[in-house]
Structure formats: structure tokens, C-alpha cells
N, C-alpha and C. Protein backbone atom coordinates (compact mmCIF):
# COMPACT_ATOMS: atom_id res chain seq x y z
N UNK A 1 -16.42 9.62 -21.37
CA UNK A 1 -15.76 8.37 -20.98
C UNK A 1 -15.10 8.53 -19.61
N UNK A 2 -15.12 7.47 -18.84
CA UNK A 2 -14.50 7.46 -17.52
C UNK A 2 -13.00 7.69 -17.65
N UNK A 3 -12.47 8.60 -16.84
CA UNK A 3 -11.02 8.81 -16.80
C UNK A 3 -10.47 8.19 -15.52
N UNK A 4 -9.57 7.25 -15.68
CA UNK A 4 -9.01 6.57 -14.53
C UNK A 4 -7.65 7.17 -14.16
N UNK A 5 -7.36 7.28 -12.87
CA UNK A 5 -6.00 7.65 -12.47
C UNK A 5 -5.05 6.50 -12.82
N UNK A 6 -3.78 6.80 -12.97
CA UNK A 6 -2.83 5.74 -13.36
C UNK A 6 -2.61 4.71 -12.26
N UNK A 7 -2.85 5.09 -11.01
CA UNK A 7 -2.71 4.15 -9.90
C UNK A 7 -4.07 3.81 -9.33
N UNK A 8 -4.39 2.53 -9.31
CA UNK A 8 -5.65 2.03 -8.78
C UNK A 8 -5.28 1.11 -7.61
N UNK A 9 -5.41 1.63 -6.41
CA UNK A 9 -5.01 0.87 -5.22
C UNK A 9 -6.12 -0.08 -4.79
N UNK A 10 -5.74 -1.29 -4.42
CA UNK A 10 -6.71 -2.26 -3.90
C UNK A 10 -6.37 -2.59 -2.45
N UNK A 11 -7.32 -2.36 -1.59
CA UNK A 11 -7.19 -2.70 -0.17
C UNK A 11 -7.87 -4.04 0.06
N UNK A 12 -7.07 -5.07 0.26
CA UNK A 12 -7.61 -6.40 0.50
C UNK A 12 -7.59 -6.65 2.00
N UNK A 13 -8.77 -6.85 2.58
CA UNK A 13 -8.87 -7.03 4.03
C UNK A 13 -7.97 -8.17 4.52
N UNK A 14 -7.74 -9.17 3.67
CA UNK A 14 -6.92 -10.32 4.08
C UNK A 14 -5.46 -9.93 4.32
N UNK A 15 -5.04 -8.77 3.84
CA UNK A 15 -3.65 -8.33 3.97
C UNK A 15 -3.38 -7.59 5.27
N UNK A 16 -4.42 -7.35 6.06
CA UNK A 16 -4.26 -6.52 7.25
C UNK A 16 -4.63 -7.28 8.52
N UNK A 17 -3.84 -7.05 9.57
CA UNK A 17 -4.04 -7.76 10.83
C UNK A 17 -5.26 -7.24 11.59
N UNK A 18 -5.67 -6.02 11.29
CA UNK A 18 -6.81 -5.44 11.99
C UNK A 18 -7.51 -4.42 11.10
N UNK A 19 -8.73 -4.06 11.48
CA UNK A 19 -9.46 -3.03 10.75
C UNK A 19 -8.72 -1.70 10.80
N UNK A 20 -8.15 -1.39 11.97
CA UNK A 20 -7.44 -0.11 12.10
C UNK A 20 -6.23 -0.05 11.18
N UNK A 21 -5.57 -1.20 10.99
CA UNK A 21 -4.42 -1.23 10.07
C UNK A 21 -4.87 -0.93 8.64
N UNK A 22 -6.04 -1.45 8.27
CA UNK A 22 -6.58 -1.18 6.93
C UNK A 22 -6.94 0.31 6.78
N UNK A 23 -7.59 0.86 7.79
CA UNK A 23 -7.95 2.28 7.73
C UNK A 23 -6.71 3.15 7.64
N UNK A 24 -5.70 2.80 8.42
CA UNK A 24 -4.45 3.56 8.41
C UNK A 24 -3.80 3.52 7.03
N UNK A 25 -3.80 2.33 6.42
CA UNK A 25 -3.23 2.19 5.07
C UNK A 25 -4.01 3.03 4.06
N UNK A 26 -5.34 3.01 4.17
CA UNK A 26 -6.18 3.79 3.25
C UNK A 26 -5.86 5.27 3.37
N UNK A 27 -5.73 5.75 4.59
CA UNK A 27 -5.43 7.17 4.78
C UNK A 27 -4.02 7.51 4.30
N UNK A 28 -3.09 6.57 4.47
CA UNK A 28 -1.74 6.78 3.96
C UNK A 28 -1.71 6.86 2.44
N UNK A 29 -2.45 5.97 1.78
CA UNK A 29 -2.52 5.99 0.32
C UNK A 29 -3.12 7.30 -0.18
N UNK A 30 -4.18 7.75 0.48
CA UNK A 30 -4.80 9.02 0.08
C UNK A 30 -3.82 10.17 0.27
N UNK A 31 -3.09 10.16 1.37
CA UNK A 31 -2.11 11.22 1.63
C UNK A 31 -0.99 11.19 0.60
N UNK A 32 -0.71 9.99 0.06
CA UNK A 32 0.33 9.86 -0.95
C UNK A 32 -0.12 10.21 -2.35
N UNK A 33 -1.39 10.59 -2.49
CA UNK A 33 -1.88 11.04 -3.80
C UNK A 33 -2.78 10.08 -4.52
N UNK A 34 -3.08 8.92 -3.91
CA UNK A 34 -3.97 7.95 -4.55
C UNK A 34 -5.40 8.46 -4.53
N UNK A 35 -6.06 8.42 -5.67
CA UNK A 35 -7.43 8.98 -5.77
C UNK A 35 -8.49 7.93 -6.10
N UNK A 36 -8.08 6.65 -6.20
CA UNK A 36 -9.03 5.58 -6.47
C UNK A 36 -8.63 4.34 -5.68
N UNK A 37 -9.54 3.90 -4.81
CA UNK A 37 -9.29 2.74 -3.97
C UNK A 37 -10.42 1.73 -4.14
N UNK A 38 -10.04 0.46 -4.24
CA UNK A 38 -11.04 -0.61 -4.23
C UNK A 38 -10.93 -1.35 -2.91
N UNK A 39 -12.08 -1.56 -2.28
CA UNK A 39 -12.13 -2.32 -1.03
C UNK A 39 -12.54 -3.75 -1.35
N UNK A 40 -11.66 -4.69 -1.03
CA UNK A 40 -11.90 -6.11 -1.30
C UNK A 40 -11.95 -6.87 0.03
N UNK A 41 -13.05 -7.57 0.25
CA UNK A 41 -13.17 -8.36 1.47
C UNK A 41 -13.92 -9.65 1.15
N UNK A 42 -13.17 -10.75 1.11
CA UNK A 42 -13.74 -12.04 0.70
C UNK A 42 -14.14 -12.91 1.89
N UNK A 43 -13.91 -12.43 3.11
CA UNK A 43 -14.07 -13.30 4.27
C UNK A 43 -15.17 -12.88 5.24
N UNK A 44 -15.33 -11.59 5.47
CA UNK A 44 -16.31 -11.14 6.47
C UNK A 44 -17.75 -11.25 5.94
N UNK A 45 -18.71 -11.17 6.85
CA UNK A 45 -20.11 -11.22 6.43
C UNK A 45 -20.56 -9.84 5.91
N UNK A 46 -21.66 -9.78 5.20
CA UNK A 46 -22.08 -8.52 4.58
C UNK A 46 -22.22 -7.36 5.56
N UNK A 47 -22.68 -7.63 6.77
CA UNK A 47 -22.83 -6.57 7.77
C UNK A 47 -21.48 -5.98 8.12
N UNK A 48 -20.48 -6.84 8.33
CA UNK A 48 -19.13 -6.37 8.67
C UNK A 48 -18.53 -5.59 7.51
N UNK A 49 -18.72 -6.11 6.31
CA UNK A 49 -18.18 -5.43 5.13
C UNK A 49 -18.79 -4.04 4.98
N UNK A 50 -20.09 -3.95 5.19
CA UNK A 50 -20.77 -2.66 5.07
C UNK A 50 -20.29 -1.68 6.13
N UNK A 51 -20.14 -2.15 7.36
CA UNK A 51 -19.65 -1.26 8.42
C UNK A 51 -18.26 -0.73 8.09
N UNK A 52 -17.39 -1.63 7.62
CA UNK A 52 -16.03 -1.23 7.23
C UNK A 52 -16.07 -0.23 6.08
N UNK A 53 -16.91 -0.51 5.11
CA UNK A 53 -17.00 0.35 3.92
C UNK A 53 -17.47 1.75 4.31
N UNK A 54 -18.46 1.81 5.16
CA UNK A 54 -18.96 3.12 5.59
C UNK A 54 -17.90 3.90 6.36
N UNK A 55 -17.12 3.17 7.16
CA UNK A 55 -16.05 3.84 7.91
C UNK A 55 -14.95 4.34 6.97
N UNK A 56 -14.65 3.57 5.94
CA UNK A 56 -13.70 4.02 4.92
C UNK A 56 -14.19 5.31 4.27
N UNK A 57 -15.46 5.31 3.89
CA UNK A 57 -16.04 6.50 3.27
C UNK A 57 -15.97 7.70 4.21
N UNK A 58 -16.26 7.46 5.48
CA UNK A 58 -16.24 8.56 6.45
C UNK A 58 -14.83 9.13 6.62
N UNK A 59 -13.86 8.24 6.73
CA UNK A 59 -12.48 8.70 6.98
C UNK A 59 -11.86 9.38 5.77
N UNK A 60 -12.20 8.91 4.59
CA UNK A 60 -11.56 9.45 3.38
C UNK A 60 -12.33 10.61 2.77
N UNK A 61 -13.59 10.78 3.16
CA UNK A 61 -14.38 11.85 2.58
C UNK A 61 -14.55 11.65 1.09
N UNK A 62 -14.60 12.75 0.36
CA UNK A 62 -14.81 12.66 -1.09
C UNK A 62 -13.54 12.90 -1.89
N UNK A 63 -12.40 12.89 -1.20
CA UNK A 63 -11.14 13.12 -1.90
C UNK A 63 -10.70 11.91 -2.70
N UNK A 64 -11.25 10.74 -2.35
CA UNK A 64 -10.87 9.48 -3.00
C UNK A 64 -12.14 8.80 -3.51
N UNK A 65 -12.08 8.30 -4.74
CA UNK A 65 -13.19 7.50 -5.26
C UNK A 65 -13.04 6.08 -4.70
N UNK A 66 -14.15 5.51 -4.25
CA UNK A 66 -14.13 4.19 -3.63
C UNK A 66 -14.97 3.21 -4.45
N UNK A 67 -14.37 2.05 -4.72
CA UNK A 67 -15.07 0.99 -5.43
C UNK A 67 -15.16 -0.23 -4.52
N UNK A 68 -16.29 -0.90 -4.57
CA UNK A 68 -16.50 -2.12 -3.79
C UNK A 68 -16.25 -3.33 -4.68
N UNK A 69 -15.53 -4.30 -4.16
CA UNK A 69 -15.32 -5.53 -4.90
C UNK A 69 -16.52 -6.46 -4.72
N UNK A 70 -17.03 -6.98 -5.81
CA UNK A 70 -18.06 -8.05 -5.83
C UNK A 70 -19.50 -7.63 -5.54
N UNK A 71 -19.72 -6.68 -4.63
CA UNK A 71 -21.05 -6.49 -4.06
C UNK A 71 -21.67 -5.14 -4.44
N UNK A 72 -22.42 -5.10 -5.55
CA UNK A 72 -23.06 -3.84 -5.94
C UNK A 72 -24.03 -3.31 -4.89
N UNK A 73 -24.72 -4.22 -4.20
CA UNK A 73 -25.67 -3.77 -3.18
C UNK A 73 -24.97 -3.04 -2.04
N UNK A 74 -23.82 -3.56 -1.62
CA UNK A 74 -23.07 -2.91 -0.54
C UNK A 74 -22.41 -1.62 -1.01
N UNK A 75 -22.04 -1.58 -2.29
CA UNK A 75 -21.48 -0.33 -2.84
C UNK A 75 -22.48 0.80 -2.72
N UNK A 76 -23.72 0.51 -3.06
CA UNK A 76 -24.78 1.52 -2.97
C UNK A 76 -25.04 1.90 -1.52
N UNK A 77 -25.15 0.89 -0.66
CA UNK A 77 -25.47 1.13 0.75
C UNK A 77 -24.38 1.93 1.46
N UNK A 78 -23.13 1.75 1.04
CA UNK A 78 -22.01 2.42 1.70
C UNK A 78 -21.72 3.80 1.12
N UNK A 79 -22.44 4.17 0.06
CA UNK A 79 -22.17 5.46 -0.56
C UNK A 79 -20.89 5.47 -1.37
N UNK A 80 -20.52 4.30 -1.92
CA UNK A 80 -19.32 4.21 -2.74
C UNK A 80 -19.57 4.79 -4.14
N UNK A 81 -18.47 4.92 -4.89
CA UNK A 81 -18.55 5.51 -6.23
C UNK A 81 -18.69 4.47 -7.33
N UNK A 82 -18.49 3.20 -6.98
CA UNK A 82 -18.58 2.18 -8.01
C UNK A 82 -18.42 0.78 -7.45
N UNK A 83 -18.49 -0.20 -8.35
CA UNK A 83 -18.33 -1.59 -7.98
C UNK A 83 -17.49 -2.29 -9.04
N UNK A 84 -16.76 -3.32 -8.60
CA UNK A 84 -15.96 -4.11 -9.54
C UNK A 84 -16.39 -5.56 -9.43
N UNK A 85 -16.76 -6.18 -10.54
CA UNK A 85 -17.22 -7.57 -10.52
C UNK A 85 -16.27 -8.45 -11.33
N UNK A 86 -16.16 -9.70 -10.88
CA UNK A 86 -15.34 -10.69 -11.56
C UNK A 86 -16.17 -11.58 -12.46
N UNK A 87 -15.52 -12.54 -13.05
CA UNK A 87 -16.21 -13.45 -13.97
C UNK A 87 -17.20 -14.36 -13.25
N UNK A 88 -16.99 -14.58 -11.95
CA UNK A 88 -17.87 -15.49 -11.21
C UNK A 88 -18.89 -14.74 -10.35
N UNK A 89 -18.92 -13.42 -10.47
CA UNK A 89 -19.85 -12.61 -9.68
C UNK A 89 -21.10 -12.31 -10.50
N UNK A 90 -21.92 -11.42 -9.98
CA UNK A 90 -23.09 -10.95 -10.71
C UNK A 90 -22.65 -10.41 -12.07
N UNK A 91 -23.43 -10.64 -13.11
CA UNK A 91 -23.07 -10.16 -14.45
C UNK A 91 -22.98 -8.64 -14.46
N UNK A 92 -22.21 -8.06 -15.40
CA UNK A 92 -22.14 -6.60 -15.48
C UNK A 92 -23.51 -5.94 -15.59
N UNK A 93 -24.40 -6.52 -16.39
CA UNK A 93 -25.71 -5.90 -16.54
C UNK A 93 -26.56 -6.07 -15.28
N UNK A 94 -26.38 -7.19 -14.60
CA UNK A 94 -27.06 -7.38 -13.32
C UNK A 94 -26.57 -6.37 -12.29
N UNK A 95 -25.25 -6.15 -12.28
CA UNK A 95 -24.68 -5.16 -11.36
C UNK A 95 -25.18 -3.75 -11.70
N UNK A 96 -25.28 -3.45 -12.99
CA UNK A 96 -25.73 -2.12 -13.42
C UNK A 96 -27.17 -1.86 -12.96
N UNK A 97 -27.99 -2.89 -12.97
CA UNK A 97 -29.36 -2.73 -12.48
C UNK A 97 -29.39 -2.33 -11.01
N UNK A 98 -28.43 -2.85 -10.25
CA UNK A 98 -28.38 -2.55 -8.82
C UNK A 98 -27.83 -1.15 -8.55
N UNK A 99 -26.77 -0.78 -9.26
CA UNK A 99 -26.08 0.49 -8.93
C UNK A 99 -26.63 1.69 -9.69
N UNK A 100 -27.41 1.45 -10.76
CA UNK A 100 -27.92 2.55 -11.55
C UNK A 100 -26.88 3.09 -12.51
N UNK A 101 -27.20 4.18 -13.16
CA UNK A 101 -26.32 4.73 -14.21
C UNK A 101 -25.20 5.59 -13.65
N UNK A 102 -25.37 6.06 -12.42
CA UNK A 102 -24.44 7.07 -11.90
C UNK A 102 -23.13 6.53 -11.36
N UNK A 103 -23.07 5.24 -11.00
CA UNK A 103 -21.86 4.69 -10.39
C UNK A 103 -20.99 3.99 -11.43
N UNK A 104 -19.71 3.93 -11.13
CA UNK A 104 -18.76 3.22 -11.99
C UNK A 104 -18.98 1.72 -11.90
N UNK A 105 -18.73 1.05 -13.02
CA UNK A 105 -18.77 -0.40 -13.07
C UNK A 105 -17.51 -0.91 -13.76
N UNK A 106 -16.76 -1.74 -13.04
CA UNK A 106 -15.57 -2.36 -13.62
C UNK A 106 -15.75 -3.86 -13.71
N UNK A 107 -15.10 -4.48 -14.70
CA UNK A 107 -15.25 -5.92 -14.93
C UNK A 107 -13.86 -6.55 -15.10
N UNK A 108 -13.62 -7.65 -14.39
CA UNK A 108 -12.36 -8.39 -14.55
C UNK A 108 -12.43 -9.30 -15.77
N UNK A 109 -11.34 -9.35 -16.52
CA UNK A 109 -11.23 -10.28 -17.65
C UNK A 109 -9.86 -10.94 -17.62
N UNK A 110 -9.77 -12.11 -18.27
CA UNK A 110 -8.53 -12.87 -18.22
C UNK A 110 -8.10 -13.40 -19.59
N UNK A 111 -8.86 -13.10 -20.63
CA UNK A 111 -8.50 -13.55 -21.98
C UNK A 111 -9.22 -12.67 -23.00
N UNK A 112 -8.83 -12.76 -24.26
CA UNK A 112 -9.43 -11.89 -25.29
C UNK A 112 -10.95 -12.04 -25.41
N UNK A 113 -11.45 -13.26 -25.27
CA UNK A 113 -12.90 -13.48 -25.41
C UNK A 113 -13.66 -12.72 -24.32
N UNK A 114 -13.14 -12.76 -23.11
CA UNK A 114 -13.79 -12.05 -22.01
C UNK A 114 -13.71 -10.53 -22.19
N UNK A 115 -12.59 -10.06 -22.74
CA UNK A 115 -12.45 -8.62 -23.02
C UNK A 115 -13.51 -8.18 -24.03
N UNK A 116 -13.65 -8.96 -25.11
CA UNK A 116 -14.64 -8.62 -26.14
C UNK A 116 -16.06 -8.60 -25.57
N UNK A 117 -16.34 -9.56 -24.72
CA UNK A 117 -17.67 -9.64 -24.10
C UNK A 117 -17.91 -8.44 -23.17
N UNK A 118 -16.92 -8.12 -22.36
CA UNK A 118 -17.04 -6.99 -21.43
C UNK A 118 -17.18 -5.67 -22.18
N UNK A 119 -16.53 -5.59 -23.33
CA UNK A 119 -16.58 -4.37 -24.13
C UNK A 119 -18.00 -4.06 -24.60
N UNK A 120 -18.83 -5.09 -24.72
CA UNK A 120 -20.20 -4.91 -25.18
C UNK A 120 -21.17 -4.58 -24.05
N UNK A 121 -20.67 -4.56 -22.82
CA UNK A 121 -21.52 -4.25 -21.67
C UNK A 121 -21.45 -2.75 -21.35
N UNK A 122 -22.15 -2.37 -20.30
CA UNK A 122 -22.13 -0.96 -19.87
C UNK A 122 -20.97 -0.67 -18.92
N UNK A 123 -20.01 -1.59 -18.82
CA UNK A 123 -18.86 -1.37 -17.94
C UNK A 123 -18.15 -0.07 -18.29
N UNK A 124 -17.73 0.65 -17.25
CA UNK A 124 -16.98 1.89 -17.46
C UNK A 124 -15.50 1.63 -17.73
N UNK A 125 -15.00 0.52 -17.21
CA UNK A 125 -13.62 0.14 -17.48
C UNK A 125 -13.51 -1.38 -17.42
N UNK A 126 -12.43 -1.89 -18.03
CA UNK A 126 -12.17 -3.32 -18.08
C UNK A 126 -10.82 -3.59 -17.44
N UNK A 127 -10.76 -4.58 -16.57
CA UNK A 127 -9.49 -5.00 -15.98
C UNK A 127 -9.00 -6.26 -16.69
N UNK A 128 -7.69 -6.32 -16.94
CA UNK A 128 -7.09 -7.49 -17.57
C UNK A 128 -5.96 -8.01 -16.68
N UNK A 129 -5.92 -9.34 -16.52
CA UNK A 129 -4.84 -9.89 -15.71
C UNK A 129 -5.08 -11.37 -15.41
N UNK A 130 -4.18 -11.97 -14.64
CA UNK A 130 -3.00 -11.35 -14.06
C UNK A 130 -1.91 -11.12 -15.11
N UNK A 131 -1.32 -9.92 -15.07
CA UNK A 131 -0.26 -9.59 -16.02
C UNK A 131 1.00 -10.37 -15.68
N UNK A 132 1.32 -10.40 -14.40
CA UNK A 132 2.48 -11.16 -13.91
C UNK A 132 2.00 -12.13 -12.83
N UNK A 133 2.88 -13.02 -12.41
CA UNK A 133 2.51 -13.96 -11.34
C UNK A 133 2.12 -13.17 -10.09
N UNK A 134 1.08 -13.63 -9.42
CA UNK A 134 0.56 -12.91 -8.26
C UNK A 134 0.38 -13.84 -7.07
N UNK A 135 0.54 -13.28 -5.88
CA UNK A 135 0.35 -14.07 -4.66
C UNK A 135 -0.95 -13.68 -3.95
N UNK A 136 -1.70 -12.74 -4.52
CA UNK A 136 -2.87 -12.22 -3.81
C UNK A 136 -4.14 -13.04 -4.06
N UNK A 137 -4.04 -14.05 -4.91
CA UNK A 137 -5.19 -14.94 -5.14
C UNK A 137 -4.76 -16.38 -4.96
N UNK A 138 -5.64 -17.17 -4.34
CA UNK A 138 -5.31 -18.57 -4.06
C UNK A 138 -5.21 -19.39 -5.35
N UNK A 139 -6.13 -19.15 -6.29
CA UNK A 139 -6.13 -19.88 -7.56
C UNK A 139 -6.19 -18.90 -8.73
N UNK A 140 -5.06 -18.24 -9.00
CA UNK A 140 -5.09 -17.22 -10.05
C UNK A 140 -5.28 -17.80 -11.44
N UNK A 141 -5.83 -16.97 -12.31
CA UNK A 141 -5.94 -17.35 -13.72
C UNK A 141 -4.55 -17.34 -14.34
N UNK A 142 -4.39 -17.96 -15.53
CA UNK A 142 -3.09 -17.97 -16.19
C UNK A 142 -2.58 -16.55 -16.46
N UNK A 143 -1.28 -16.38 -16.29
CA UNK A 143 -0.65 -15.07 -16.53
C UNK A 143 -0.80 -14.68 -18.00
N UNK A 144 -1.20 -13.42 -18.23
CA UNK A 144 -1.39 -12.97 -19.62
C UNK A 144 -0.18 -12.22 -20.16
N UNK A 145 0.68 -11.72 -19.26
CA UNK A 145 1.87 -11.01 -19.71
C UNK A 145 1.57 -9.67 -20.36
N UNK A 146 2.62 -8.98 -20.76
CA UNK A 146 2.45 -7.69 -21.42
C UNK A 146 1.74 -7.85 -22.76
N UNK A 147 1.93 -9.01 -23.40
CA UNK A 147 1.26 -9.25 -24.67
C UNK A 147 -0.25 -9.32 -24.48
N UNK A 148 -0.67 -9.87 -23.34
CA UNK A 148 -2.10 -9.91 -23.04
C UNK A 148 -2.69 -8.52 -22.86
N UNK A 149 -1.89 -7.62 -22.28
CA UNK A 149 -2.33 -6.22 -22.15
C UNK A 149 -2.46 -5.59 -23.53
N UNK A 150 -1.49 -5.83 -24.39
CA UNK A 150 -1.54 -5.27 -25.77
C UNK A 150 -2.76 -5.78 -26.53
N UNK A 151 -3.03 -7.07 -26.38
CA UNK A 151 -4.19 -7.65 -27.09
C UNK A 151 -5.49 -7.06 -26.56
N UNK A 152 -5.57 -6.90 -25.25
CA UNK A 152 -6.77 -6.31 -24.66
C UNK A 152 -6.96 -4.88 -25.15
N UNK A 153 -5.85 -4.15 -25.23
CA UNK A 153 -5.91 -2.75 -25.68
C UNK A 153 -6.46 -2.67 -27.10
N UNK A 154 -6.11 -3.64 -27.93
CA UNK A 154 -6.56 -3.64 -29.31
C UNK A 154 -8.05 -3.99 -29.43
N UNK A 155 -8.61 -4.58 -28.38
CA UNK A 155 -9.99 -5.08 -28.45
C UNK A 155 -11.02 -4.13 -27.84
N UNK A 156 -10.56 -3.11 -27.15
CA UNK A 156 -11.53 -2.21 -26.51
C UNK A 156 -11.02 -0.77 -26.48
N UNK A 157 -11.96 0.15 -26.53
CA UNK A 157 -11.63 1.56 -26.36
C UNK A 157 -11.97 2.03 -24.96
N UNK A 158 -12.55 1.13 -24.16
CA UNK A 158 -12.83 1.47 -22.77
C UNK A 158 -11.51 1.59 -22.00
N UNK A 159 -11.49 2.36 -20.92
CA UNK A 159 -10.29 2.41 -20.10
C UNK A 159 -9.89 1.01 -19.64
N UNK A 160 -8.58 0.75 -19.63
CA UNK A 160 -8.05 -0.58 -19.35
C UNK A 160 -7.19 -0.54 -18.09
N UNK A 161 -7.55 -1.40 -17.13
CA UNK A 161 -6.79 -1.52 -15.89
C UNK A 161 -6.04 -2.84 -15.92
N UNK A 162 -4.74 -2.79 -15.72
CA UNK A 162 -3.94 -4.01 -15.64
C UNK A 162 -3.76 -4.39 -14.18
N UNK A 163 -3.86 -5.69 -13.89
CA UNK A 163 -3.75 -6.15 -12.51
C UNK A 163 -2.98 -7.46 -12.45
N UNK A 164 -2.31 -7.70 -11.33
CA UNK A 164 -1.64 -8.97 -11.12
C UNK A 164 -0.13 -8.84 -11.10
N UNK A 165 0.46 -8.88 -9.91
CA UNK A 165 1.91 -8.86 -9.78
C UNK A 165 2.58 -7.57 -10.19
N UNK A 166 1.84 -6.47 -10.18
CA UNK A 166 2.42 -5.20 -10.63
C UNK A 166 3.14 -4.52 -9.47
N UNK A 167 4.38 -4.13 -9.75
CA UNK A 167 5.25 -3.51 -8.75
C UNK A 167 5.84 -2.22 -9.32
N UNK A 168 6.56 -1.51 -8.47
CA UNK A 168 7.24 -0.30 -8.96
C UNK A 168 8.22 -0.62 -10.07
N UNK A 169 8.77 -1.84 -10.03
CA UNK A 169 9.79 -2.21 -11.02
C UNK A 169 9.20 -2.45 -12.41
N UNK A 170 7.94 -2.88 -12.49
CA UNK A 170 7.39 -3.22 -13.82
C UNK A 170 6.18 -2.37 -14.24
N UNK A 171 5.74 -1.46 -13.37
CA UNK A 171 4.51 -0.70 -13.66
C UNK A 171 4.60 0.11 -14.94
N UNK A 172 5.75 0.71 -15.18
CA UNK A 172 5.90 1.57 -16.36
C UNK A 172 5.71 0.75 -17.64
N UNK A 173 6.24 -0.47 -17.65
CA UNK A 173 6.13 -1.32 -18.86
C UNK A 173 4.68 -1.68 -19.14
N UNK A 174 3.86 -1.76 -18.09
CA UNK A 174 2.46 -2.12 -18.25
C UNK A 174 1.69 -0.96 -18.89
N UNK A 175 1.98 0.25 -18.45
CA UNK A 175 1.36 1.44 -19.05
C UNK A 175 1.80 1.55 -20.52
N UNK A 176 3.07 1.29 -20.77
CA UNK A 176 3.59 1.37 -22.16
C UNK A 176 2.95 0.31 -23.06
N UNK A 177 2.48 -0.80 -22.46
CA UNK A 177 1.83 -1.86 -23.25
C UNK A 177 0.38 -1.51 -23.58
N UNK A 178 -0.12 -0.40 -23.00
CA UNK A 178 -1.47 0.03 -23.38
C UNK A 178 -2.47 0.21 -22.25
N UNK A 179 -2.08 -0.15 -21.01
CA UNK A 179 -3.00 0.02 -19.89
C UNK A 179 -3.12 1.51 -19.54
N UNK A 180 -4.33 1.91 -19.15
CA UNK A 180 -4.54 3.27 -18.68
C UNK A 180 -4.20 3.41 -17.20
N UNK A 181 -4.29 2.28 -16.49
CA UNK A 181 -4.13 2.30 -15.04
C UNK A 181 -3.57 0.97 -14.59
N UNK A 182 -2.85 0.98 -13.45
CA UNK A 182 -2.36 -0.27 -12.88
C UNK A 182 -2.98 -0.47 -11.50
N UNK A 183 -3.53 -1.66 -11.27
CA UNK A 183 -4.10 -2.01 -9.98
C UNK A 183 -3.03 -2.70 -9.15
N UNK A 184 -2.83 -2.23 -7.93
CA UNK A 184 -1.73 -2.72 -7.10
C UNK A 184 -2.26 -3.09 -5.71
N UNK A 185 -1.82 -4.23 -5.22
CA UNK A 185 -2.16 -4.65 -3.86
C UNK A 185 -0.89 -4.72 -3.01
N UNK A 186 -0.07 -5.75 -3.26
CA UNK A 186 1.05 -6.07 -2.37
C UNK A 186 2.09 -4.96 -2.28
N UNK A 187 2.42 -4.32 -3.39
CA UNK A 187 3.52 -3.36 -3.39
C UNK A 187 3.12 -2.00 -2.82
N UNK A 188 1.93 -1.92 -2.25
CA UNK A 188 1.52 -0.69 -1.55
C UNK A 188 1.44 -0.91 -0.03
N UNK A 189 1.70 -2.12 0.43
CA UNK A 189 1.46 -2.45 1.83
C UNK A 189 2.50 -1.84 2.77
N UNK A 190 3.77 -1.84 2.35
CA UNK A 190 4.79 -1.27 3.22
C UNK A 190 4.86 0.23 3.02
N UNK A 191 4.62 0.96 4.09
CA UNK A 191 4.62 2.43 4.04
C UNK A 191 3.74 2.93 2.89
N UNK A 192 2.42 2.78 3.03
CA UNK A 192 1.51 3.09 1.93
C UNK A 192 1.67 4.49 1.33
N UNK A 193 1.87 5.49 2.17
CA UNK A 193 2.00 6.85 1.64
C UNK A 193 3.21 6.97 0.72
N UNK A 194 4.36 6.51 1.21
CA UNK A 194 5.59 6.59 0.42
C UNK A 194 5.48 5.73 -0.85
N UNK A 195 4.88 4.55 -0.71
CA UNK A 195 4.72 3.66 -1.87
C UNK A 195 3.85 4.31 -2.94
N UNK A 196 2.74 4.92 -2.53
CA UNK A 196 1.86 5.59 -3.49
C UNK A 196 2.59 6.73 -4.18
N UNK A 197 3.33 7.51 -3.41
CA UNK A 197 4.08 8.63 -4.01
C UNK A 197 5.07 8.13 -5.05
N UNK A 198 5.76 7.02 -4.73
CA UNK A 198 6.75 6.47 -5.67
C UNK A 198 6.08 5.93 -6.93
N UNK A 199 4.97 5.23 -6.76
CA UNK A 199 4.24 4.73 -7.93
C UNK A 199 3.82 5.90 -8.84
N UNK A 200 3.27 6.92 -8.25
CA UNK A 200 2.77 8.05 -9.05
C UNK A 200 3.94 8.77 -9.75
N UNK A 201 5.07 8.81 -9.10
CA UNK A 201 6.25 9.42 -9.74
C UNK A 201 6.69 8.57 -10.94
N UNK A 202 6.73 7.26 -10.76
CA UNK A 202 7.14 6.33 -11.82
C UNK A 202 6.16 6.39 -13.00
N UNK A 203 4.87 6.46 -12.67
CA UNK A 203 3.84 6.42 -13.72
C UNK A 203 3.66 7.76 -14.42
N UNK A 204 4.21 8.79 -13.83
CA UNK A 204 4.14 10.11 -14.46
C UNK A 204 2.76 10.71 -14.42
């Protein structure tokens, strides 16, 4: 079974003023002990995303596992370790056909029915959220709360990633509710290295 680190950092290109700022943040997170990063880019064209992804891989080497958001084809082309798909993206089985058996596959879910469905796929892990109110999505799904994490935990034995509004102040409660890992975007942006170190200390 896939073992996830307790901190799952997400680098959203929309959060950075420049490519160099994103690369700097990625290197800071790695220096702070983060071992799993997801690259999310909803705005650039596939060529730009691939160039960025390859540069991330080059700068971080193999010390950090890299997952691509949405695009299994670009994950393979960039030499990433996995892909993460949402409910509106390519199906988990469609993504698996593209990436093969060797790469990680993660699936976003937002309610018990979606968790049960994802559990029957070849996904290596399931994400549940948003746990708390989040500002990182324009039209977020309804908040599931800690109870939603508990319900998801009861429905699957796959590793569970909680996402949505997770900060240093509430991360511990999310792990205690049954998540194996917490996905964080906003609360890693200021001083990424120090933020990652603090998260890892809190999460134990």
C-alpha cells in the first residue's frame, strides 16, 4: 500500500507572481522536509506546464515525489511520480491507462458516494474535502468538516488525504479525525521552509 507523508504540499501556479517564485517556494519546502509536492496549474497551456514541470523535477531531483494535477499525460512526460485527478477530470481508470501501473494515482472526492466509488478504482490514495472553508478555489464544493473526514475514513482503507482550509492551527485535528495526510496550499506560502518545518513538527 502507498505510504503518504503527513504533509502533502500543493504548489498552485496562481499563487505565485513568477515562475522563479514558484521554484524558490518548491526548493524551500523541500529544504523544510516536505517529501511530496503536487504541481497545480489551471491557467497556462500544456507546453508551459510541461516546461515548468520538467524544471521542477530538475531542481528538486529525486528527494521529493512530484504529482501533477489533472494531466496524466504531462505527468508522464515530465518524469513525475504520479497524477491527481478531480471529479471533472479524466476518470481514475482513464488516468491509469495513461500513467501505467508504476505511478501514483490520487482522486479528489467531496462526499461519501464519491469516496465509495473511488475506493473501487485503482487509485493509490483518496483526497476528501474541503474540510474547512477555502479560498484556493473559485467555486469550492460544500465543506465536509471533520465529520466528513471521519466518514471517509470509515469507507476506505486506502490512504486518505484531507484538503481545504488546512492550517497549522487545525492540521492536528484533521489527522486525529482519520486522515493520513493533510494537503496544504495557502499556509505554506509565507516562508515555505519554516512553514513546512512547523507543519511537520505539529503533525509529528
